[in-house]
Amino acid sequence: MRITERATVVYLKRPDGCFCLAPKKGNIHKAKGEELKGTADKLNGYGGKQKFAQTILQTAISELFEESSVRAGERDLELVGRINFFWPDNDTTQPDMIVDFFFISVYQGEPRETVGMGPPEWFLPENFPYDRMNKADKYFLPSIFKGEKKVLDIFHGKTREDGTPLIVDKEIAPTL
């Protein structure tokens, strides 16, 4: 029986429309005891895995603080996307990890480098450096930044005939 892990990613948003990204200092998403290599030093939002007895909103807020030193409230989180990740050996309909993506524009403090994240950088969505981010980001973030709320299935290790990652748009909006 597979156990689905839950995680969050929070994007801080400034009034000028810029979003904060920072490089992860380590690899993320352990799959069967192995880290998915190549995620260290990639720019990302702030987040992490849900801990026992935390709600997903509590996870988002605690991980945001832990990784950026920014304080925020759960009520200010805007759920903008959900990705169901399937690892290469998964041939079931149950994802290995579900990641909820949030925007937040009401917060206290300025993001700073922490133990888990490098120095923060701010970008307008049209200038996101996708070449410095995780590979799948360029396939779903642009639509989220245009206001579309997405739920996607991403199948690691599987591609379409044209070589792009196998991503299935569930064509529904995420809900908590």
C-alpha atoms as a PDB file:
ATOM      1  CA  MET A   1       0.000   0.000   0.000  1.00  0.00           C
ATOM      2  CA  ARG A   2       1.352   3.405  -0.987  1.00  0.00           C
ATOM      3  CA  ILE A   3       1.423   6.275   1.460  1.00  0.00           C
ATOM      4  CA  THR A   4       0.758   9.675  -0.098  1.00  0.00           C
ATOM      5  CA  GLU A   5       2.835  12.464   1.397  1.00  0.00           C
ATOM      6  CA  ARG A   6       1.545  16.050   1.460  1.00  0.00           C
ATOM      7  CA  ALA A   7       3.594  19.201   0.996  1.00  0.00           C
ATOM      8  CA  THR A   8       3.212  22.903   0.278  1.00  0.00           C
ATOM      9  CA  VAL A   9       4.852  25.648  -1.758  1.00  0.00           C
ATOM     10  CA  VAL A  10       4.119  29.293  -0.905  1.00  0.00           C
ATOM     11  CA  TYR A  11       4.950  32.192  -3.212  1.00  0.00           C
ATOM     12  CA  LEU A  12       5.300  35.569  -1.512  1.00  0.00           C
ATOM     13  CA  LYS A  13       3.826  38.339  -3.652  1.00  0.00           C
ATOM     14  CA  ARG A  14       4.667  42.039  -3.401  1.00  0.00           C
ATOM     15  CA  PRO A  15       2.270  44.870  -4.344  1.00  0.00           C
ATOM     16  CA  ASP A  16       4.308  45.489  -7.536  1.00  0.00           C
ATOM     17  CA  GLY A  17       3.396  41.982  -8.774  1.00  0.00           C
ATOM     18  CA  CYS A  18       6.808  40.436  -8.156  1.00  0.00           C
ATOM     19  CA  PHE A  19       7.072  36.980  -6.592  1.00  0.00           C
ATOM     20  CA  CYS A  20       9.851  35.731  -4.354  1.00  0.00           C
ATOM     21  CA  LEU A  21      11.969  32.725  -5.272  1.00  0.00           C
ATOM     22  CA  ALA A  22      14.968  31.342  -3.430  1.00  0.00           C
ATOM     23  CA  PRO A  23      17.321  28.424  -4.098  1.00  0.00           C
ATOM     24  CA  LYS A  24      16.769  25.227  -2.118  1.00  0.00           C
ATOM     25  CA  LYS A  25      19.977  24.255  -0.338  1.00  0.00           C
ATOM     26  CA  GLY A  26      19.284  20.534  -0.597  1.00  0.00           C
ATOM     27  CA  ASN A  27      17.524  17.997  -2.781  1.00  0.00           C
ATOM     28  CA  ILE A  28      13.801  17.603  -2.131  1.00  0.00           C
ATOM     29  CA  HIS A  29      11.085  14.972  -2.435  1.00  0.00           C
ATOM     30  CA  LYS A  30      12.479  11.762  -1.074  1.00  0.00           C
ATOM     31  CA  ALA A  31      11.082   8.857  -3.071  1.00  0.00           C
ATOM     32  CA  LYS A  32      11.521   5.422  -1.499  1.00  0.00           C
ATOM     33  CA  GLY A  33      14.342   6.752   0.660  1.00  0.00           C
ATOM     34  CA  GLU A  34      16.056   8.394  -2.298  1.00  0.00           C
ATOM     35  CA  GLU A  35      16.110  12.112  -2.992  1.00  0.00           C
ATOM     36  CA  LEU A  36      15.139  13.294  -6.438  1.00  0.00           C
ATOM     37  CA  LYS A  37      18.511  14.563  -7.578  1.00  0.00           C
ATOM     38  CA  GLY A  38      18.926  17.868  -9.299  1.00  0.00           C
ATOM     39  CA  THR A  39      16.562  19.887  -7.107  1.00  0.00           C
ATOM     40  CA  ALA A  40      19.293  21.458  -4.938  1.00  0.00           C
ATOM     41  CA  ASP A  41      20.111  25.054  -5.873  1.00  0.00           C
ATOM     42  CA  LYS A  42      16.945  25.354  -7.969  1.00  0.00           C
ATOM     43  CA  LEU A  43      14.804  28.437  -7.379  1.00  0.00           C
ATOM     44  CA  ASN A  44      11.508  27.669  -5.684  1.00  0.00           C
ATOM     45  CA  GLY A  45       8.831  29.088  -3.432  1.00  0.00           C
ATOM     46  CA  TYR A  46       8.880  28.331   0.295  1.00  0.00           C
ATOM     47  CA  GLY A  47       7.441  25.118   1.630  1.00  0.00           C
ATOM     48  CA  GLY A  48       7.887  21.576   2.758  1.00  0.00           C
ATOM     49  CA  LYS A  49       6.276  18.371   3.862  1.00  0.00           C
ATOM     50  CA  GLN A  50       3.288  18.174   6.150  1.00  0.00           C
ATOM     51  CA  LYS A  51       4.135  17.051   9.661  1.00  0.00           C
ATOM     52  CA  PHE A  52       1.974  14.742  11.718  1.00  0.00           C
ATOM     53  CA  ALA A  53      -1.035  16.508  13.272  1.00  0.00           C
ATOM     54  CA  GLN A  54      -0.644  19.654  11.112  1.00  0.00           C
ATOM     55  CA  THR A  55      -3.255  20.812   8.654  1.00  0.00           C
ATOM     56  CA  ILE A  56      -1.990  21.704   5.199  1.00  0.00           C
ATOM     57  CA  LEU A  57      -2.528  25.408   6.021  1.00  0.00           C
ATOM     58  CA  GLN A  58      -0.500  25.069   9.223  1.00  0.00           C
ATOM     59  CA  THR A  59       2.212  23.364   7.198  1.00  0.00           C
ATOM     60  CA  ALA A  60       2.281  26.193   4.660  1.00  0.00           C
ATOM     61  CA  ILE A  61       2.621  28.869   7.358  1.00  0.00           C
ATOM     62  CA  SER A  62       5.205  27.007   9.458  1.00  0.00           C
ATOM     63  CA  GLU A  63       7.341  26.098   6.434  1.00  0.00           C
ATOM     64  CA  LEU A  64       7.136  29.679   5.144  1.00  0.00           C
ATOM     65  CA  PHE A  65       8.486  30.956   8.468  1.00  0.00           C
ATOM     66  CA  GLU A  66      11.121  28.221   8.771  1.00  0.00           C
ATOM     67  CA  GLU A  67      12.462  28.809   5.267  1.00  0.00           C
ATOM     68  CA  SER A  68      12.136  32.610   4.966  1.00  0.00           C
ATOM     69  CA  SER A  69      11.646  34.078   8.485  1.00  0.00           C
ATOM     70  CA  VAL A  70       8.423  35.681   7.183  1.00  0.00           C
ATOM     71  CA  ARG A  71       5.334  35.523   9.393  1.00  0.00           C
ATOM     72  CA  ALA A  72       1.842  35.170   7.941  1.00  0.00           C
ATOM     73  CA  GLY A  73      -1.645  33.977   8.806  1.00  0.00           C
ATOM     74  CA  GLU A  74      -3.494  30.978   7.393  1.00  0.00           C
ATOM     75  CA  ARG A  75      -6.457  33.132   6.339  1.00  0.00           C
ATOM     76  CA  ASP A  76      -4.202  35.072   3.945  1.00  0.00           C
ATOM     77  CA  LEU A  77      -3.148  32.018   1.942  1.00  0.00           C
ATOM     78  CA  GLU A  78      -4.705  31.696  -1.516  1.00  0.00           C
ATOM     79  CA  LEU A  79      -4.753  28.133  -2.850  1.00  0.00           C
ATOM     80  CA  VAL A  80      -3.825  28.407  -6.540  1.00  0.00           C
ATOM     81  CA  GLY A  81      -2.804  24.900  -7.511  1.00  0.00           C
ATOM     82  CA  ARG A  82      -2.316  21.287  -6.591  1.00  0.00           C
ATOM     83  CA  ILE A  83       0.017  18.787  -8.165  1.00  0.00           C
ATOM     84  CA  ASN A  84      -0.297  15.051  -7.718  1.00  0.00           C
ATOM     85  CA  PHE A  85       3.193  13.615  -8.245  1.00  0.00           C
ATOM     86  CA  PHE A  86       3.678  10.014  -9.342  1.00  0.00           C
ATOM     87  CA  TRP A  87       7.190   8.536  -8.989  1.00  0.00           C
ATOM     88  CA  PRO A  88       8.572   6.427 -11.853  1.00  0.00           C
ATOM     89  CA  ASP A  89       7.727   3.056 -10.264  1.00  0.00           C
ATOM     90  CA  ASN A  90       4.113   4.021  -9.493  1.00  0.00           C
ATOM     91  CA  ASP A  91       1.574   2.338 -11.758  1.00  0.00           C
ATOM     92  CA  THR A  92      -1.413   3.055  -9.504  1.00  0.00           C
ATOM     93  CA  THR A  93      -3.921   5.909  -9.456  1.00  0.00           C
ATOM     94  CA  GLN A  94      -2.727   6.991  -5.992  1.00  0.00           C
ATOM     95  CA  PRO A  95      -0.097   9.764  -6.096  1.00  0.00           C
ATOM     96  CA  ASP A  96       3.104   9.451  -4.106  1.00  0.00           C
ATOM     97  CA  MET A  97       3.003  13.124  -3.142  1.00  0.00           C
ATOM     98  CA  ILE A  98       0.414  15.891  -3.292  1.00  0.00           C
ATOM     99  CA  VAL A  99       1.732  19.453  -3.241  1.00  0.00           C
ATOM    100  CA  ASP A 100      -0.556  22.435  -2.643  1.00  0.00           C
ATOM    101  CA  PHE A 101       0.591  25.773  -4.080  1.00  0.00           C
ATOM    102  CA  PHE A 102      -0.326  29.082  -2.445  1.00  0.00           C
ATOM    103  CA  PHE A 103       0.104  32.789  -3.103  1.00  0.00           C
ATOM    104  CA  ILE A 104       0.301  35.162  -0.158  1.00  0.00           C
ATOM    105  CA  SER A 105       0.506  38.940  -0.306  1.00  0.00           C
ATOM    106  CA  VAL A 106      -0.175  39.772   3.365  1.00  0.00           C
ATOM    107  CA  TYR A 107       2.798  38.941   5.581  1.00  0.00           C
ATOM    108  CA  GLN A 108       5.199  40.469   8.089  1.00  0.00           C
ATOM    109  CA  GLY A 109       8.924  40.838   7.503  1.00  0.00           C
ATOM    110  CA  GLU A 110      11.139  40.414   4.493  1.00  0.00           C
ATOM    111  CA  PRO A 111      12.363  37.029   3.305  1.00  0.00           C
ATOM    112  CA  ARG A 112      15.958  36.208   4.104  1.00  0.00           C
ATOM    113  CA  GLU A 113      18.426  33.390   3.638  1.00  0.00           C
ATOM    114  CA  THR A 114      17.937  30.524   6.081  1.00  0.00           C
ATOM    115  CA  VAL A 115      19.406  27.090   6.749  1.00  0.00           C
ATOM    116  CA  GLY A 116      17.198  25.520   4.063  1.00  0.00           C
ATOM    117  CA  MET A 117      16.956  28.310   1.491  1.00  0.00           C
ATOM    118  CA  GLY A 118      19.455  30.627  -0.155  1.00  0.00           C
ATOM    119  CA  PRO A 119      19.163  34.364  -0.760  1.00  0.00           C
ATOM    120  CA  PRO A 120      15.710  35.464  -1.971  1.00  0.00           C
ATOM    121  CA  GLU A 121      15.189  37.045  -5.385  1.00  0.00           C
ATOM    122  CA  TRP A 122      12.089  38.818  -6.760  1.00  0.00           C
ATOM    123  CA  PHE A 123      10.697  38.308 -10.264  1.00  0.00           C
ATOM    124  CA  LEU A 124       7.694  39.347 -12.302  1.00  0.00           C
ATOM    125  CA  PRO A 125       5.944  36.202 -13.591  1.00  0.00           C
ATOM    126  CA  GLU A 126       6.835  37.005 -17.208  1.00  0.00           C
ATOM    127  CA  ASN A 127      10.524  37.096 -16.198  1.00  0.00           C
ATOM    128  CA  PHE A 128      10.673  33.878 -14.181  1.00  0.00           C
ATOM    129  CA  PRO A 129      14.040  32.159 -14.747  1.00  0.00           C
ATOM    130  CA  TYR A 130      12.610  28.733 -15.586  1.00  0.00           C
ATOM    131  CA  ASP A 131      16.085  27.541 -16.556  1.00  0.00           C
ATOM    132  CA  ARG A 132      17.051  27.935 -12.853  1.00  0.00           C
ATOM    133  CA  MET A 133      13.910  26.214 -11.548  1.00  0.00           C
ATOM    134  CA  ASN A 134      12.636  22.634 -11.340  1.00  0.00           C
ATOM    135  CA  LYS A 135      11.918  21.231 -14.789  1.00  0.00           C
ATOM    136  CA  ALA A 136       8.139  20.853 -14.390  1.00  0.00           C
ATOM    137  CA  ASP A 137       7.635  24.465 -13.176  1.00  0.00           C
ATOM    138  CA  LYS A 138       7.596  25.893 -16.694  1.00  0.00           C
ATOM    139  CA  TYR A 139       4.718  23.588 -17.619  1.00  0.00           C
ATOM    140  CA  PHE A 140       2.265  24.762 -14.946  1.00  0.00           C
ATOM    141  CA  LEU A 141       3.359  28.009 -13.275  1.00  0.00           C
ATOM    142  CA  PRO A 142       2.624  30.316 -16.249  1.00  0.00           C
ATOM    143  CA  SER A 143      -1.063  29.352 -16.233  1.00  0.00           C
ATOM    144  CA  ILE A 144      -1.274  29.792 -12.446  1.00  0.00           C
ATOM    145  CA  PHE A 145       0.222  33.262 -12.738  1.00  0.00           C
ATOM    146  CA  LYS A 146      -2.422  34.109 -15.352  1.00  0.00           C
ATOM    147  CA  GLY A 147      -5.104  33.382 -12.742  1.00  0.00           C
ATOM    148  CA  GLU A 148      -5.992  29.801 -13.660  1.00  0.00           C
ATOM    149  CA  LYS A 149      -6.305  27.519 -10.655  1.00  0.00           C
ATOM    150  CA  LYS A 150      -4.980  24.098 -11.574  1.00  0.00           C
ATOM    151  CA  VAL A 151      -4.951  20.506 -10.405  1.00  0.00           C
ATOM    152  CA  LEU A 152      -2.411  18.445 -12.330  1.00  0.00           C
ATOM    153  CA  ASP A 153      -1.003  14.923 -12.314  1.00  0.00           C
ATOM    154  CA  ILE A 154       2.735  14.838 -13.073  1.00  0.00           C
ATOM    155  CA  PHE A 155       4.317  11.484 -13.864  1.00  0.00           C
ATOM    156  CA  HIS A 156       8.093  11.556 -13.186  1.00  0.00           C
ATOM    157  CA  GLY A 157      10.038   9.486 -15.659  1.00  0.00           C
ATOM    158  CA  LYS A 158       7.233   9.369 -18.240  1.00  0.00           C
ATOM    159  CA  THR A 159       7.068  11.579 -21.304  1.00  0.00           C
ATOM    160  CA  ARG A 160       4.802  12.259 -24.240  1.00  0.00           C
ATOM    161  CA  GLU A 161       5.838  11.429 -27.797  1.00  0.00           C
ATOM    162  CA  ASP A 162       7.302  14.936 -28.202  1.00  0.00           C
ATOM    163  CA  GLY A 163       9.567  14.427 -25.155  1.00  0.00           C
ATOM    164  CA  THR A 164       7.682  16.747 -22.798  1.00  0.00           C
ATOM    165  CA  PRO A 165       6.855  15.435 -19.317  1.00  0.00           C
ATOM    166  CA  LEU A 166       3.609  13.530 -18.943  1.00  0.00           C
ATOM    167  CA  ILE A 167       1.311  16.049 -17.250  1.00  0.00           C
ATOM    168  CA  VAL A 168      -2.443  15.615 -17.068  1.00  0.00           C
ATOM    169  CA  ASP A 169      -4.629  18.651 -16.397  1.00  0.00           C
ATOM    170  CA  LYS A 170      -7.509  17.457 -14.210  1.00  0.00           C
ATOM    171  CA  GLU A 171      -9.521  20.475 -15.431  1.00  0.00           C
ATOM    172  CA  ILE A 172     -10.820  21.240 -11.951  1.00  0.00           C
ATOM    173  CA  ALA A 173      -9.895  23.909  -9.415  1.00  0.00           C
ATOM    174  CA  PRO A 174      -8.165  22.913  -6.169  1.00  0.00           C
ATOM    175  CA  THR A 175     -10.102  22.991  -2.913  1.00  0.00           C
ATOM    176  CA  LEU A 176      -9.075  22.417   0.673  1.00  0.00           C
END
